[in-house]
Amino acid sequence: MKPTTLLIILMLGILVAPLAAEAQQTVKVPRIGYLSADGGAAASHLVEGFRQGLRTLGYVEGQSVTIDYRFADGKYERLPDLARELVQLRVDVLMVFTIPATRAAKGVTTTTPIVFAQVLDPVGAGVVAGLARPGANVTGVSVMIEDLGGKYIQLMQELMPRIADVAILWEPAQPAGALQLKQIETAATSLGVRLHTVKVLGPRDFETAFVSAKTKRSAVFVLPSSLFNLHWQRLANLAVKHQVPTISARREFVNAGGLISYGPDFADQSPRAPSYVDGILKGAKPADLPVEQPTKFELVINLKTAKTLRLTIPQTLLLRADQVIQ
């Protein structure tokens, strides 16, 4: 090889090397904004489920993907500002939990893709146009169940055949609770059960609610709420203190010492939601991704709490349970 040719090759190599290095350095790492109406501790298992779902899809946090977290700690008024913060960080997609968080995210951006989870009725809540064709920039995983309210009452009647009164704890600021309250009211009327609705505006109302339920010899339903998610332990302790059988849709309540939970496997949604995030990062449009509905439900019973409440759980219920806490 001629010296001049060799010199040209070396010079080209010197010129190309920095360009290659620069191209390597500018490879874009996807950025996800994670917004939850709950507090960090209350949502820890959901966060881990989401991370695990991403890992399954090949994403490693801090390496091949960046995640910015924001938690409202049950204070819904903070959600719009938190959503705005994430949008201003130029995240590629927003992962949001519950109706209030979804509405907040939708209210601050019409362009950033939004994936939701733990939304009871996304069409009724106005966050998507339809389940098959969500439209706009929003899609995700729903927890919509047509007759969950009726199943709650049937479970309590199976547990206590003579039950006539049921108290409902619900937070007016939580849309999912209002939707489910309507379901339970309809079911109660058809099943001959009297309902006593108890509005809960904060933790200070918990004690009064259980005292009222005990006075009326009622069972208690705890409806979906970010406020309740933050205080499962206290709610479970009050139920035992006042000897009131209590049911919820969330297994966290039973883990904390509550009696029964029945509903969608909320933790299962966290690993499933990343598939939407993955699709969007690879170019899919939220408007073209159908909303997924729940397929996995779980019945969890705390046998230790039942004994404390002096209740005998029917064998038929125990056999159907996905988990029995001894």
Protein backbone atom coordinates (compact mmCIF):
# COMPACT_ATOMS: atom_id res chain seq x y z
CA MET A 1 0.00 0.00 0.00
CA LYS A 2 1.30 3.39 -0.94
CA PRO A 3 2.25 5.73 1.94
CA THR A 4 -0.19 8.36 0.67
CA THR A 5 -3.06 5.86 0.66
CA LEU A 6 -2.22 4.71 4.18
CA LEU A 7 -2.11 8.32 5.34
CA ILE A 8 -5.56 9.00 3.87
CA ILE A 9 -7.03 5.91 5.62
CA LEU A 10 -5.54 6.96 8.95
CA MET A 11 -6.89 10.48 8.59
CA LEU A 12 -10.36 9.17 7.71
CA GLY A 13 -10.24 6.89 10.76
CA ILE A 14 -9.35 9.84 12.98
CA LEU A 15 -12.27 11.82 11.56
CA VAL A 16 -14.85 8.99 11.74
CA ALA A 17 -13.99 7.76 15.24
CA PRO A 18 -15.33 10.85 17.08
CA LEU A 19 -18.46 10.78 14.96
CA ALA A 20 -19.11 7.13 15.87
CA ALA A 21 -18.47 7.84 19.54
CA GLU A 22 -20.84 10.82 19.42
CA ALA A 23 -23.54 8.73 17.75
CA GLN A 24 -23.16 6.13 20.50
CA GLN A 25 -23.49 8.77 23.20
CA THR A 26 -26.65 10.29 21.70
CA VAL A 27 -28.67 7.06 21.65
CA LYS A 28 -31.95 8.12 23.32
CA VAL A 29 -32.92 6.33 26.50
CA PRO A 30 -36.75 6.17 26.83
CA ARG A 31 -38.18 8.17 29.72
CA ILE A 32 -41.35 7.13 31.57
CA GLY A 33 -43.34 9.31 33.95
CA TYR A 34 -45.01 7.33 36.77
CA LEU A 35 -47.94 9.08 38.50
CA SER A 36 -49.89 7.58 41.40
CA ALA A 37 -52.63 9.07 43.56
CA ASP A 38 -51.39 6.90 46.44
CA GLY A 39 -48.31 7.36 48.58
CA GLY A 40 -45.00 5.74 47.78
CA ALA A 41 -45.27 3.16 50.59
CA ALA A 42 -48.90 2.27 49.80
CA ALA A 43 -48.04 1.79 46.12
CA SER A 44 -44.72 -0.01 46.63
CA HIS A 45 -45.99 -3.41 45.44
CA LEU A 46 -47.50 -1.78 42.34
CA VAL A 47 -44.24 0.01 41.60
CA GLU A 48 -42.35 -3.27 41.88
CA GLY A 49 -44.91 -5.01 39.69
CA PHE A 50 -44.46 -2.32 37.04
CA ARG A 51 -40.68 -2.61 37.21
CA GLN A 52 -40.88 -6.37 36.95
CA GLY A 53 -43.11 -6.07 33.91
CA LEU A 54 -40.57 -3.78 32.27
CA ARG A 55 -37.71 -6.15 33.12
CA THR A 56 -39.60 -9.00 31.48
CA LEU A 57 -39.77 -6.89 28.32
CA GLY A 58 -36.01 -6.23 28.43
CA TYR A 59 -35.95 -2.78 30.06
CA VAL A 60 -33.48 -2.15 32.88
CA GLU A 61 -34.25 0.91 34.98
CA GLY A 62 -31.34 3.33 35.04
CA GLN A 63 -29.78 1.74 31.96
CA SER A 64 -32.16 1.17 29.06
CA VAL A 65 -35.03 3.21 30.55
CA THR A 66 -35.46 6.13 32.96
CA ILE A 67 -38.48 6.37 35.26
CA ASP A 68 -39.52 9.57 37.04
CA TYR A 69 -41.89 8.95 39.96
CA ARG A 70 -44.54 11.25 41.44
CA PHE A 71 -46.89 10.30 44.31
CA ALA A 72 -49.83 12.42 45.49
CA ASP A 73 -50.17 10.67 48.90
CA GLY A 74 -53.95 10.63 48.54
CA LYS A 75 -54.14 14.41 47.93
CA TYR A 76 -55.93 14.61 44.61
CA GLU A 77 -55.45 18.36 44.30
CA ARG A 78 -51.73 17.74 43.81
CA LEU A 79 -52.20 15.49 40.78
CA PRO A 80 -52.43 18.17 38.04
CA ASP A 81 -49.18 19.82 39.17
CA LEU A 82 -47.42 16.46 39.44
CA ALA A 83 -48.64 15.47 35.98
CA ARG A 84 -47.46 18.81 34.61
CA GLU A 85 -44.02 18.28 36.15
CA LEU A 86 -43.68 14.97 34.36
CA VAL A 87 -44.82 16.38 31.02
CA GLN A 88 -42.30 19.20 31.38
CA LEU A 89 -39.58 16.57 31.82
CA ARG A 90 -40.48 15.51 28.26
CA VAL A 91 -41.29 11.92 29.22
CA ASP A 92 -42.08 9.61 26.30
CA VAL A 93 -45.11 8.11 28.04
CA LEU A 94 -47.06 8.67 31.26
CA MET A 95 -48.01 5.64 33.40
CA VAL A 96 -50.88 6.65 35.70
CA PHE A 97 -52.99 4.91 38.34
CA THR A 98 -56.69 5.53 39.20
CA ILE A 99 -59.28 7.83 37.62
CA PRO A 100 -58.12 11.07 39.36
CA ALA A 101 -54.53 10.58 38.17
CA THR A 102 -55.71 9.73 34.64
CA ARG A 103 -57.93 12.79 34.48
CA ALA A 104 -55.11 14.99 35.79
CA ALA A 105 -52.70 13.68 33.16
CA LYS A 106 -55.26 14.04 30.39
CA GLY A 107 -55.95 17.59 31.53
CA VAL A 108 -52.35 18.74 31.09
CA THR A 109 -51.41 17.05 27.81
CA THR A 110 -53.10 16.02 24.59
CA THR A 111 -49.89 14.80 22.97
CA THR A 112 -47.89 12.79 25.52
CA PRO A 113 -49.15 9.15 25.44
CA ILE A 114 -50.92 8.10 28.66
CA VAL A 115 -51.29 4.51 29.90
CA PHE A 116 -53.63 3.98 32.87
CA ALA A 117 -54.28 1.16 35.33
CA GLN A 118 -56.78 0.67 38.18
CA VAL A 119 -59.53 2.61 36.40
CA LEU A 120 -62.95 1.16 37.19
CA ASP A 121 -64.95 2.47 34.23
CA PRO A 122 -62.77 4.42 31.77
CA VAL A 123 -65.65 5.12 29.37
CA GLY A 124 -68.04 6.24 32.11
CA ALA A 125 -65.28 8.33 33.68
CA GLY A 126 -64.72 10.06 30.34
CA VAL A 127 -61.04 9.18 29.98
CA VAL A 128 -61.52 7.18 26.74
CA ALA A 129 -64.10 7.28 23.96
CA GLY A 130 -64.51 3.48 23.92
CA LEU A 131 -62.83 0.28 25.02
CA ALA A 132 -62.07 -1.02 21.53
CA ARG A 133 -61.03 2.37 20.13
CA PRO A 134 -59.92 4.60 23.03
CA GLY A 135 -59.16 7.60 20.81
CA ALA A 136 -56.86 10.54 21.62
CA ASN A 137 -53.68 9.87 23.62
CA VAL A 138 -55.02 7.60 26.38
CA THR A 139 -55.38 3.81 26.81
CA GLY A 140 -54.62 1.19 29.44
CA VAL A 141 -55.89 -1.54 31.73
CA SER A 142 -59.38 -1.25 33.25
CA VAL A 143 -60.76 -2.90 36.38
CA MET A 144 -64.35 -2.53 35.19
CA ILE A 145 -66.69 -5.24 36.45
CA GLU A 146 -70.39 -5.02 35.76
CA ASP A 147 -71.69 -6.73 38.90
CA LEU A 148 -68.99 -6.45 41.53
CA GLY A 149 -71.45 -4.73 43.89
CA GLY A 150 -73.79 -7.71 43.72
CA LYS A 151 -70.94 -10.13 44.39
CA TYR A 152 -70.02 -8.19 47.53
CA ILE A 153 -73.48 -8.54 48.98
CA GLN A 154 -73.77 -12.19 47.97
CA LEU A 155 -70.47 -12.92 49.73
CA MET A 156 -71.70 -11.27 52.92
CA GLN A 157 -75.01 -13.14 52.72
CA GLU A 158 -73.10 -16.38 52.31
CA LEU A 159 -71.00 -15.50 55.33
CA MET A 160 -73.93 -14.21 57.40
CA PRO A 161 -77.22 -15.53 55.97
CA ARG A 162 -79.35 -13.31 58.25
CA ILE A 163 -77.61 -10.04 57.47
CA ALA A 164 -80.09 -7.21 56.82
CA ASP A 165 -77.99 -4.05 57.02
CA VAL A 166 -74.80 -3.03 55.26
CA ALA A 167 -72.77 0.13 55.78
CA ILE A 168 -70.80 1.54 52.85
CA LEU A 169 -67.65 3.54 53.46
CA TRP A 170 -66.90 5.73 50.47
CA GLU A 171 -64.91 8.84 49.69
CA PRO A 172 -66.91 11.36 47.60
CA ALA A 173 -63.74 12.69 45.95
CA GLN A 174 -63.01 9.25 44.48
CA PRO A 175 -65.05 8.67 41.27
CA ALA A 176 -64.52 4.90 41.33
CA GLY A 177 -66.23 4.72 44.71
CA ALA A 178 -69.29 6.59 43.42
CA LEU A 179 -69.57 4.26 40.43
CA GLN A 180 -69.37 1.18 42.60
CA LEU A 181 -71.81 2.63 45.14
CA LYS A 182 -74.47 2.70 42.41
CA GLN A 183 -73.82 -0.97 41.65
CA ILE A 184 -74.19 -1.93 45.31
CA GLU A 185 -77.37 0.12 45.75
CA THR A 186 -78.98 -1.69 42.81
CA ALA A 187 -77.86 -5.10 44.10
CA ALA A 188 -78.98 -4.37 47.68
CA THR A 189 -82.48 -3.45 46.55
CA SER A 190 -82.89 -6.69 44.62
CA LEU A 191 -81.42 -8.80 47.45
CA GLY A 192 -83.46 -7.16 50.24
CA VAL A 193 -80.54 -5.57 52.11
CA ARG A 194 -80.71 -2.08 53.68
CA LEU A 195 -77.80 0.22 52.92
CA HIS A 196 -76.30 2.92 55.13
CA THR A 197 -73.88 5.12 53.18
CA VAL A 198 -71.11 6.75 55.20
CA LYS A 199 -69.14 9.55 53.56
CA VAL A 200 -65.51 9.58 54.61
CA LEU A 201 -63.65 12.85 54.05
CA GLY A 202 -60.56 11.91 56.03
CA PRO A 203 -59.12 9.53 58.66
CA ARG A 204 -60.99 11.38 61.39
CA ASP A 205 -64.23 9.85 60.07
CA PHE A 206 -63.08 6.22 60.33
CA GLU A 207 -63.96 5.65 63.98
CA THR A 208 -67.43 7.19 63.64
CA ALA A 209 -68.16 5.00 60.63
CA PHE A 210 -67.39 1.75 62.46
CA VAL A 211 -69.23 2.84 65.61
CA SER A 212 -72.30 3.53 63.45
CA ALA A 213 -71.96 0.16 61.72
CA LYS A 214 -71.69 -1.65 65.05
CA THR A 215 -74.78 0.13 66.39
CA LYS A 216 -76.81 -0.96 63.36
CA ARG A 217 -75.29 -4.47 63.47
CA SER A 218 -74.08 -3.97 59.93
CA ALA A 219 -71.34 -5.43 57.86
CA VAL A 220 -69.12 -2.86 56.16
CA PHE A 221 -67.97 -2.48 52.56
CA VAL A 222 -64.90 -0.32 51.99
CA LEU A 223 -65.09 1.07 48.47
CA PRO A 224 -62.07 1.93 46.26
CA SER A 225 -60.21 5.03 47.40
CA SER A 226 -56.64 6.28 47.50
CA LEU A 227 -57.41 7.55 51.01
CA PHE A 228 -58.31 4.04 52.18
CA ASN A 229 -55.24 2.62 50.43
CA LEU A 230 -53.10 4.72 52.75
CA HIS A 231 -54.87 3.50 55.89
CA TRP A 232 -55.61 -0.23 55.46
CA GLN A 233 -54.01 -1.07 58.80
CA ARG A 234 -56.11 1.43 60.73
CA LEU A 235 -59.31 0.35 58.99
CA ALA A 236 -58.58 -3.31 59.73
CA ASN A 237 -57.83 -2.51 63.38
CA LEU A 238 -61.09 -0.57 63.76
CA ALA A 239 -63.09 -3.40 62.18
CA VAL A 240 -61.67 -5.83 64.73
CA LYS A 241 -62.00 -3.36 67.62
CA HIS A 242 -65.71 -2.84 66.93
CA GLN A 243 -66.31 -6.46 65.89
CA VAL A 244 -67.63 -5.51 62.45
CA PRO A 245 -67.26 -7.92 59.49
CA THR A 246 -65.69 -5.89 56.67
CA ILE A 247 -65.02 -6.52 53.00
CA SER A 248 -63.02 -4.69 50.34
CA ALA A 249 -61.88 -5.13 46.76
CA ARG A 250 -58.23 -4.92 47.78
CA ARG A 251 -56.21 -7.80 49.20
CA GLU A 252 -54.00 -5.27 51.03
CA PHE A 253 -56.91 -4.80 53.42
CA VAL A 254 -56.96 -8.51 54.30
CA ASN A 255 -53.17 -8.60 54.58
CA ALA A 256 -53.50 -5.80 57.13
CA GLY A 257 -56.05 -7.80 59.16
CA GLY A 258 -59.35 -7.21 57.36
CA LEU A 259 -61.81 -10.09 56.90
CA ILE A 260 -62.43 -10.59 53.17
CA SER A 261 -61.43 -9.08 49.85
CA TYR A 262 -62.78 -9.87 46.42
CA GLY A 263 -61.95 -8.17 43.17
CA PRO A 264 -59.51 -7.88 40.29
CA ASP A 265 -55.91 -8.72 41.04
CA PHE A 266 -54.68 -5.12 41.15
CA ALA A 267 -51.05 -6.16 41.44
CA ASP A 268 -51.49 -8.19 38.24
CA GLN A 269 -52.22 -4.97 36.35
CA SER A 270 -48.80 -3.49 37.06
CA PRO A 271 -46.93 -6.18 35.10
CA ARG A 272 -49.54 -6.04 32.30
CA ALA A 273 -49.50 -2.27 31.84
CA PRO A 274 -45.84 -2.22 30.70
CA SER A 275 -46.83 -4.05 27.51
CA TYR A 276 -48.77 -0.90 26.55
CA VAL A 277 -45.80 1.27 27.48
CA ASP A 278 -43.52 -0.97 25.42
CA GLY A 279 -45.82 -0.80 22.40
CA ILE A 280 -45.97 3.00 22.56
CA LEU A 281 -42.19 3.33 22.92
CA LYS A 282 -41.92 1.22 19.76
CA GLY A 283 -44.25 3.50 17.83
CA ALA A 284 -47.82 2.37 18.57
CA LYS A 285 -50.49 5.04 19.09
CA PRO A 286 -52.66 4.90 22.27
CA ALA A 287 -55.77 5.54 20.16
CA ASP A 288 -55.20 2.23 18.37
CA LEU A 289 -54.58 0.09 21.49
CA PRO A 290 -57.83 -1.38 22.92
CA VAL A 291 -58.40 -1.01 26.66
CA GLU A 292 -57.79 -4.32 28.42
CA GLN A 293 -60.41 -5.57 30.88
CA PRO A 294 -59.72 -7.70 33.98
CA THR A 295 -59.51 -11.45 33.56
CA LYS A 296 -58.06 -12.42 36.93
CA PHE A 297 -60.06 -12.07 40.15
CA GLU A 298 -59.15 -13.19 43.64
CA LEU A 299 -60.94 -14.03 46.86
CA VAL A 300 -58.79 -13.64 49.98
CA ILE A 301 -59.98 -14.57 53.48
CA ASN A 302 -58.30 -13.84 56.80
CA LEU A 303 -59.22 -16.83 58.96
CA LYS A 304 -57.46 -15.36 61.98
CA THR A 305 -59.66 -12.27 61.81
CA ALA A 306 -62.76 -14.43 61.36
CA LYS A 307 -61.93 -16.23 64.62
CA THR A 308 -61.41 -12.91 66.38
CA LEU A 309 -64.84 -11.79 65.12
CA ARG A 310 -66.28 -15.16 66.20
CA LEU A 311 -67.40 -15.94 62.68
CA THR A 312 -67.36 -19.36 61.09
CA ILE A 313 -66.35 -19.17 57.44
CA PRO A 314 -68.46 -21.61 55.38
CA GLN A 315 -66.46 -24.39 53.76
CA THR A 316 -67.86 -23.36 50.37
CA LEU A 317 -66.16 -19.97 50.74
CA LEU A 318 -62.88 -21.44 51.94
CA LEU A 319 -62.74 -23.81 48.97
CA ARG A 320 -63.25 -20.91 46.54
CA ALA A 321 -60.62 -18.70 48.17
CA ASP A 322 -57.43 -17.99 46.26
CA GLN A 323 -55.67 -17.42 49.57
CA VAL A 324 -56.58 -18.12 53.19
CA ILE A 325 -54.54 -16.26 55.80
CA GLN A 326 -54.29 -18.41 58.91
